[in-house]
């Protein structure tokens, strides 16, 4: 039987902790036997989990001999990883144990050095922080999970379910995984990636910055067919100066900012109205339905119709 050790670190996120426990515990093989046995392990006798504390039945010795170790997310910023936990995870990796993180569990896993040089993911809201803290890691905020073979990482919350089902399918095949998905009331594979859940806020600009009036004008004129020259003319400056000011105050270009604002407005309209996709594309300034669909999918990872089904 496959043994899964779930490592409960201090300030563990309860949802992330319970996800692998529930999914793997309920997995059954075709003959009815359980597919996994679960060990909940912790370094200390008592672990803080936000609204409550928990006592794990296994210490770090429970990681030894496990076929898979799961590192659930913790609050960020988390406490520094202790040497015993770091050493236990590194030893498991040397022994060939499969190691996976859920949500911000990528952070403690990154602190071991095991993710250096790998493509990984985490909750989209923490992706920039992870990339800044660990520059040797390639952070992909748009996907639900990344499988590097021995090391796997998932995005936030429900993406942990996607990752667990993916591992079940690798271990026992699609039929067993599909049954586990039905018990979890989840599709075996979800369309799109994490990008569809990212709130694409407008790039910030310092309060009182010189671009504030221009950004307000752009927001009011999303439906207009604006060129870079149009924006520069309204700002009363050259295109070169306009681009420089945008870079300085928003970290992006005028047209990239405009595209981002249009897609965010389109998301709002898809969520809150019954307007056709074609009408929404025109409302937010795209010259054709095809251009709108292409830009929307490039930004969010799914089509406007799929986004509406998920969020309306």
Protein backbone atom coordinates (compact mmCIF):
# COMPACT_ATOMS: atom_id res chain seq x y z
CA UNK A 1 0.00 0.00 0.00
CA UNK A 2 1.20 3.49 -0.86
CA UNK A 3 2.07 5.57 2.23
CA UNK A 4 1.43 9.32 2.18
CA UNK A 5 2.97 11.44 4.93
CA UNK A 6 1.34 14.86 5.37
CA UNK A 7 3.73 17.28 7.07
CA UNK A 8 1.94 19.75 9.36
CA UNK A 9 4.12 22.82 9.90
CA UNK A 10 3.29 25.58 12.35
CA UNK A 11 0.55 27.92 11.10
CA UNK A 12 -0.58 25.29 8.60
CA UNK A 13 -3.64 26.19 6.53
CA UNK A 14 -6.39 23.76 7.64
CA UNK A 15 -7.91 23.42 4.16
CA UNK A 16 -4.57 22.51 2.63
CA UNK A 17 -3.88 20.02 5.41
CA UNK A 18 -7.24 18.29 5.09
CA UNK A 19 -7.27 18.06 1.29
CA UNK A 20 -4.73 15.21 0.88
CA UNK A 21 -6.02 13.48 4.00
CA UNK A 22 -9.58 13.34 2.65
CA UNK A 23 -8.74 12.56 -0.98
CA UNK A 24 -6.20 9.81 -0.32
CA UNK A 25 -8.12 8.27 2.58
CA UNK A 26 -11.20 7.80 0.41
CA UNK A 27 -9.35 6.35 -2.59
CA UNK A 28 -10.32 2.76 -3.29
CA UNK A 29 -8.83 0.23 -5.67
CA UNK A 30 -11.06 -1.81 -8.00
CA UNK A 31 -11.23 -4.66 -5.46
CA UNK A 32 -12.31 -2.26 -2.69
CA UNK A 33 -9.00 -2.11 -0.85
CA UNK A 34 -7.72 1.34 0.22
CA UNK A 35 -5.08 2.70 -2.08
CA UNK A 36 -3.22 4.72 0.55
CA UNK A 37 -2.41 4.88 4.21
CA UNK A 38 -1.97 8.34 5.71
CA UNK A 39 0.45 9.63 8.31
CA UNK A 40 0.06 13.15 9.68
CA UNK A 41 3.50 14.21 10.87
CA UNK A 42 4.79 17.25 12.76
CA UNK A 43 8.02 18.35 14.39
CA UNK A 44 6.35 19.54 17.59
CA UNK A 45 3.67 17.79 19.70
CA UNK A 46 1.23 20.64 19.03
CA UNK A 47 0.83 22.67 15.85
CA UNK A 48 -1.01 25.97 15.50
CA UNK A 49 -3.50 25.97 12.64
CA UNK A 50 -5.06 29.39 12.85
CA UNK A 51 -8.47 28.93 14.47
CA UNK A 52 -7.37 25.82 16.37
CA UNK A 53 -4.36 23.74 17.40
CA UNK A 54 -3.77 20.13 16.42
CA UNK A 55 -1.77 17.18 17.68
CA UNK A 56 -0.18 14.99 15.01
CA UNK A 57 0.14 11.25 15.75
CA UNK A 58 3.55 11.07 14.05
CA UNK A 59 6.76 13.01 14.52
CA UNK A 60 9.29 13.63 11.78
CA UNK A 61 10.19 9.93 11.90
CA UNK A 62 6.90 9.36 10.08
CA UNK A 63 8.44 10.86 6.93
CA UNK A 64 10.93 8.00 6.70
CA UNK A 65 9.80 5.22 4.43
CA UNK A 66 6.84 7.19 3.05
CA UNK A 67 6.23 6.89 -0.68
CA UNK A 68 4.91 10.46 -0.89
CA UNK A 69 5.32 13.48 1.37
CA UNK A 70 2.82 16.34 1.12
CA UNK A 71 3.72 19.81 2.43
CA UNK A 72 0.48 21.82 2.90
CA UNK A 73 0.44 25.59 2.79
CA UNK A 74 1.21 27.83 5.74
CA UNK A 75 0.54 31.48 6.40
CA UNK A 76 2.96 33.79 4.57
CA UNK A 77 5.37 35.01 5.73
CA UNK A 78 5.94 31.77 7.59
CA UNK A 79 8.34 31.00 10.38
CA UNK A 80 11.81 29.99 9.14
CA UNK A 81 12.13 26.32 8.32
CA UNK A 82 13.86 24.50 11.16
CA UNK A 83 16.97 22.45 10.55
CA UNK A 84 15.32 19.11 11.51
CA UNK A 85 12.47 19.64 9.02
CA UNK A 86 14.84 20.80 6.29
CA UNK A 87 17.13 17.83 6.84
CA UNK A 88 14.22 15.36 6.91
CA UNK A 89 12.88 16.63 3.58
CA UNK A 90 16.31 16.59 1.98
CA UNK A 91 16.92 13.05 3.22
CA UNK A 92 13.58 11.94 1.81
CA UNK A 93 14.45 13.48 -1.55
CA UNK A 94 17.78 11.64 -1.60
CA UNK A 95 15.90 8.41 -0.93
CA UNK A 96 13.71 9.02 -3.98
CA UNK A 97 10.51 9.91 -2.09
CA UNK A 98 7.95 11.86 -4.11
CA UNK A 99 7.44 15.27 -2.48
CA UNK A 100 4.55 17.62 -3.26
CA UNK A 101 3.47 20.99 -1.92
CA UNK A 102 0.01 22.51 -1.82
CA UNK A 103 -0.53 26.26 -2.14
CA UNK A 104 2.06 28.19 -0.10
CA UNK A 105 3.65 24.91 0.95
CA UNK A 106 5.98 25.79 -1.91
CA UNK A 107 7.72 28.26 0.42
CA UNK A 108 9.02 25.76 3.01
CA UNK A 109 9.84 23.35 0.20
CA UNK A 110 11.81 26.10 -1.54
CA UNK A 111 13.70 26.77 1.71
CA UNK A 112 15.19 23.27 1.49
CA UNK A 113 16.83 24.06 -1.87
CA UNK A 114 14.99 21.16 -3.51
CA UNK A 115 13.21 23.49 -5.95
CA UNK A 116 16.30 25.26 -7.26
CA UNK A 117 16.32 25.25 -11.04
CA UNK A 118 12.76 23.90 -11.26
CA UNK A 119 9.53 25.36 -12.62
CA UNK A 120 6.99 25.55 -9.78
CA UNK A 121 3.72 27.19 -8.85
CA UNK A 122 1.96 28.46 -5.75
CA UNK A 123 -1.13 30.52 -4.93
CA UNK A 124 -1.21 33.34 -7.49
CA UNK A 125 -1.37 36.00 -4.80
CA UNK A 126 1.98 34.82 -3.37
CA UNK A 127 3.75 34.12 -6.68
CA UNK A 128 5.67 37.41 -6.85
CA UNK A 129 6.81 37.01 -3.25
CA UNK A 130 8.06 33.48 -3.96
CA UNK A 131 9.92 34.60 -7.09
CA UNK A 132 11.58 37.46 -5.20
CA UNK A 133 12.58 35.26 -2.25
CA UNK A 134 13.95 32.41 -4.39
CA UNK A 135 15.40 33.77 -7.66
CA UNK A 136 16.78 30.34 -8.63
CA UNK A 137 13.22 29.03 -9.03
CA UNK A 138 11.02 29.59 -12.09
CA UNK A 139 7.58 30.54 -10.74
CA UNK A 140 4.60 29.96 -13.04
CA UNK A 141 1.50 31.62 -11.51
CA UNK A 142 -0.87 30.57 -14.31
CA UNK A 143 -1.16 26.81 -13.79
CA UNK A 144 -2.99 24.60 -11.30
CA UNK A 145 0.01 22.37 -10.65
CA UNK A 146 3.47 21.51 -11.94
CA UNK A 147 4.80 17.94 -12.09
CA UNK A 148 8.59 17.72 -12.20
CA UNK A 149 8.58 13.97 -11.61
CA UNK A 150 9.82 13.56 -8.05
CA UNK A 151 8.85 17.11 -7.02
CA UNK A 152 5.35 18.52 -7.57
CA UNK A 153 3.79 21.84 -6.60
CA UNK A 154 0.23 23.12 -6.75
CA UNK A 155 -1.56 26.45 -6.73
CA UNK A 156 -3.89 27.50 -3.95
CA UNK A 157 -6.88 25.91 -2.26
CA UNK A 158 -8.85 23.69 -4.67
CA UNK A 159 -5.77 23.22 -6.87
CA UNK A 160 -4.57 20.88 -4.14
CA UNK A 161 -7.43 18.59 -5.16
CA UNK A 162 -6.27 18.72 -8.77
CA UNK A 163 -2.76 17.76 -7.70
CA UNK A 164 -3.92 14.87 -5.50
CA UNK A 165 -6.11 13.46 -8.27
CA UNK A 166 -3.19 13.78 -10.68
CA UNK A 167 -1.00 11.74 -8.34
CA UNK A 168 -3.70 9.09 -7.88
CA UNK A 169 -3.95 8.75 -11.65
CA UNK A 170 -0.18 8.31 -11.89
CA UNK A 171 -0.21 5.70 -9.10
CA UNK A 172 -3.29 3.66 -10.01
CA UNK A 173 -4.65 4.80 -13.36
CA UNK A 174 -7.54 6.89 -14.63
CA UNK A 175 -10.38 4.66 -13.40
CA UNK A 176 -9.30 4.85 -9.74
CA UNK A 177 -8.61 8.58 -10.07
CA UNK A 178 -12.02 9.19 -11.69
CA UNK A 179 -13.73 7.42 -8.79
CA UNK A 180 -11.79 9.55 -6.32
CA UNK A 181 -12.79 12.65 -8.29
CA UNK A 182 -16.47 11.71 -8.10
CA UNK A 183 -16.20 11.27 -4.34
CA UNK A 184 -14.61 14.72 -4.15
CA UNK A 185 -17.34 16.16 -6.42
CA UNK A 186 -14.57 17.34 -8.74
CA UNK A 187 -13.83 16.90 -12.44
CA UNK A 188 -10.77 14.75 -12.99
CA UNK A 189 -9.33 17.61 -15.05
CA UNK A 190 -10.40 21.23 -14.90
CA UNK A 191 -10.32 23.43 -17.99
CA UNK A 192 -7.74 26.18 -17.95
CA UNK A 193 -5.24 26.97 -15.23
CA UNK A 194 -4.88 29.26 -12.26
CA UNK A 195 -4.78 32.30 -14.55
CA UNK A 196 -8.58 32.35 -14.77
CA UNK A 197 -8.78 33.01 -11.01
CA UNK A 198 -6.27 35.85 -10.91
CA UNK A 199 -7.77 39.27 -10.31
CA UNK A 200 -6.02 41.39 -12.90
CA UNK A 201 -5.93 44.65 -11.04
CA UNK A 202 -4.55 47.66 -12.81
CA UNK A 203 -0.87 48.32 -12.32
CA UNK A 204 -0.53 50.62 -9.30
CA UNK A 205 0.57 54.20 -9.59
CA UNK A 206 1.70 56.33 -6.64
CA UNK A 207 -1.06 58.45 -5.15
CA UNK A 208 -0.80 61.92 -6.61
CA UNK A 209 1.39 60.68 -9.46
CA UNK A 210 1.33 62.56 -12.74
CA UNK A 211 -0.40 59.65 -14.50
CA UNK A 212 -3.47 59.54 -12.26
CA UNK A 213 -5.65 61.80 -14.47
CA UNK A 214 -4.56 59.95 -17.59
CA UNK A 215 -5.34 56.54 -16.08
CA UNK A 216 -8.78 57.75 -15.09
CA UNK A 217 -9.34 58.96 -18.67
CA UNK A 218 -8.19 55.62 -20.07
CA UNK A 219 -10.55 53.77 -17.74
CA UNK A 220 -13.44 55.94 -18.97
CA UNK A 221 -12.53 55.32 -22.62
CA UNK A 222 -11.87 51.58 -22.73
CA UNK A 223 -14.32 51.16 -25.62
CA UNK A 224 -12.48 53.66 -27.82
CA UNK A 225 -10.02 52.51 -30.47
CA UNK A 226 -6.99 54.13 -28.84
CA UNK A 227 -3.49 54.11 -30.27
CA UNK A 228 -0.32 55.01 -28.43
CA UNK A 229 -0.33 58.31 -30.31
CA UNK A 230 -3.89 59.01 -29.13
CA UNK A 231 -2.92 58.45 -25.51
CA UNK A 232 0.20 60.58 -25.84
CA UNK A 233 -1.79 63.37 -27.48
CA UNK A 234 -4.33 63.38 -24.64
CA UNK A 235 -1.47 63.49 -22.13
CA UNK A 236 0.14 66.34 -24.04
CA UNK A 237 3.47 64.61 -24.39
CA UNK A 238 5.51 62.55 -26.83
CA UNK A 239 5.04 58.80 -27.10
CA UNK A 240 8.62 58.28 -25.89
CA UNK A 241 8.05 60.37 -22.76
CA UNK A 242 4.70 58.69 -22.17
CA UNK A 243 6.26 55.22 -22.28
CA UNK A 244 9.02 56.29 -19.89
CA UNK A 245 6.51 57.72 -17.39
CA UNK A 246 4.40 54.56 -17.54
CA UNK A 247 7.45 52.40 -16.92
CA UNK A 248 8.45 54.55 -13.95
CA UNK A 249 5.02 54.77 -12.32
CA UNK A 250 3.26 51.51 -13.27
CA UNK A 251 6.02 49.12 -14.34
CA UNK A 252 4.30 48.47 -17.68
CA UNK A 253 3.57 50.16 -21.01
CA UNK A 254 0.49 52.25 -21.87
CA UNK A 255 -0.96 49.63 -24.23
CA UNK A 256 -0.26 46.76 -21.82
CA UNK A 257 -2.03 48.72 -19.09
CA UNK A 258 -4.93 49.32 -21.44
CA UNK A 259 -5.20 45.63 -22.39
CA UNK A 260 -5.14 44.67 -18.72
CA UNK A 261 -7.89 47.16 -17.89
CA UNK A 262 -10.04 45.95 -20.79
CA UNK A 263 -9.76 42.30 -19.74
CA UNK A 264 -10.58 43.14 -16.12
CA UNK A 265 -13.67 45.06 -17.27
CA UNK A 266 -14.62 42.15 -19.54
CA UNK A 267 -14.34 39.75 -16.59
CA UNK A 268 -16.68 41.98 -14.60
CA UNK A 269 -19.22 42.08 -17.45
CA UNK A 270 -19.05 38.31 -17.98
CA UNK A 271 -19.68 37.79 -14.27
CA UNK A 272 -22.46 40.33 -13.83
CA UNK A 273 -24.39 40.65 -17.13
CA UNK A 274 -26.06 38.50 -19.76
CA UNK A 275 -24.53 40.43 -22.64
CA UNK A 276 -23.16 38.32 -25.48
CA UNK A 277 -19.44 37.75 -25.69
CA UNK A 278 -19.41 39.74 -28.93
CA UNK A 279 -21.11 42.71 -27.28
CA UNK A 280 -18.76 42.62 -24.29
CA UNK A 281 -15.73 42.54 -26.58
CA UNK A 282 -16.98 45.67 -28.32
CA UNK A 283 -17.85 47.34 -25.01
CA UNK A 284 -14.27 47.03 -23.82
CA UNK A 285 -12.68 48.22 -27.02
CA UNK A 286 -11.72 45.19 -29.11
CA UNK A 287 -12.01 45.60 -32.85
CA UNK A 288 -13.42 42.11 -33.45
CA UNK A 289 -14.81 39.15 -31.45
CA UNK A 290 -11.80 37.09 -32.54
CA UNK A 291 -9.34 39.66 -31.21
CA UNK A 292 -11.25 39.77 -27.93
CA UNK A 293 -11.35 35.98 -27.53
CA UNK A 294 -7.64 35.65 -28.34
CA UNK A 295 -6.58 38.35 -25.88
CA UNK A 296 -8.92 37.06 -23.17
CA UNK A 297 -7.63 33.49 -23.45
CA UNK A 298 -4.02 34.66 -23.55
CA UNK A 299 -4.56 36.60 -20.31
CA UNK A 300 -6.78 34.22 -18.33
CA UNK A 301 -6.05 30.81 -19.86
CA UNK A 302 -9.69 30.12 -20.78
CA UNK A 303 -12.22 31.39 -23.31
CA UNK A 304 -14.79 34.05 -22.38
CA UNK A 305 -17.55 31.40 -22.53
CA UNK A 306 -15.65 29.10 -20.14
CA UNK A 307 -14.95 31.99 -17.79
CA UNK A 308 -18.64 32.90 -17.72
CA UNK A 309 -19.65 29.31 -16.96
CA UNK A 310 -17.25 29.25 -14.04
CA UNK A 311 -17.96 32.66 -12.53
CA UNK A 312 -21.30 34.08 -13.61
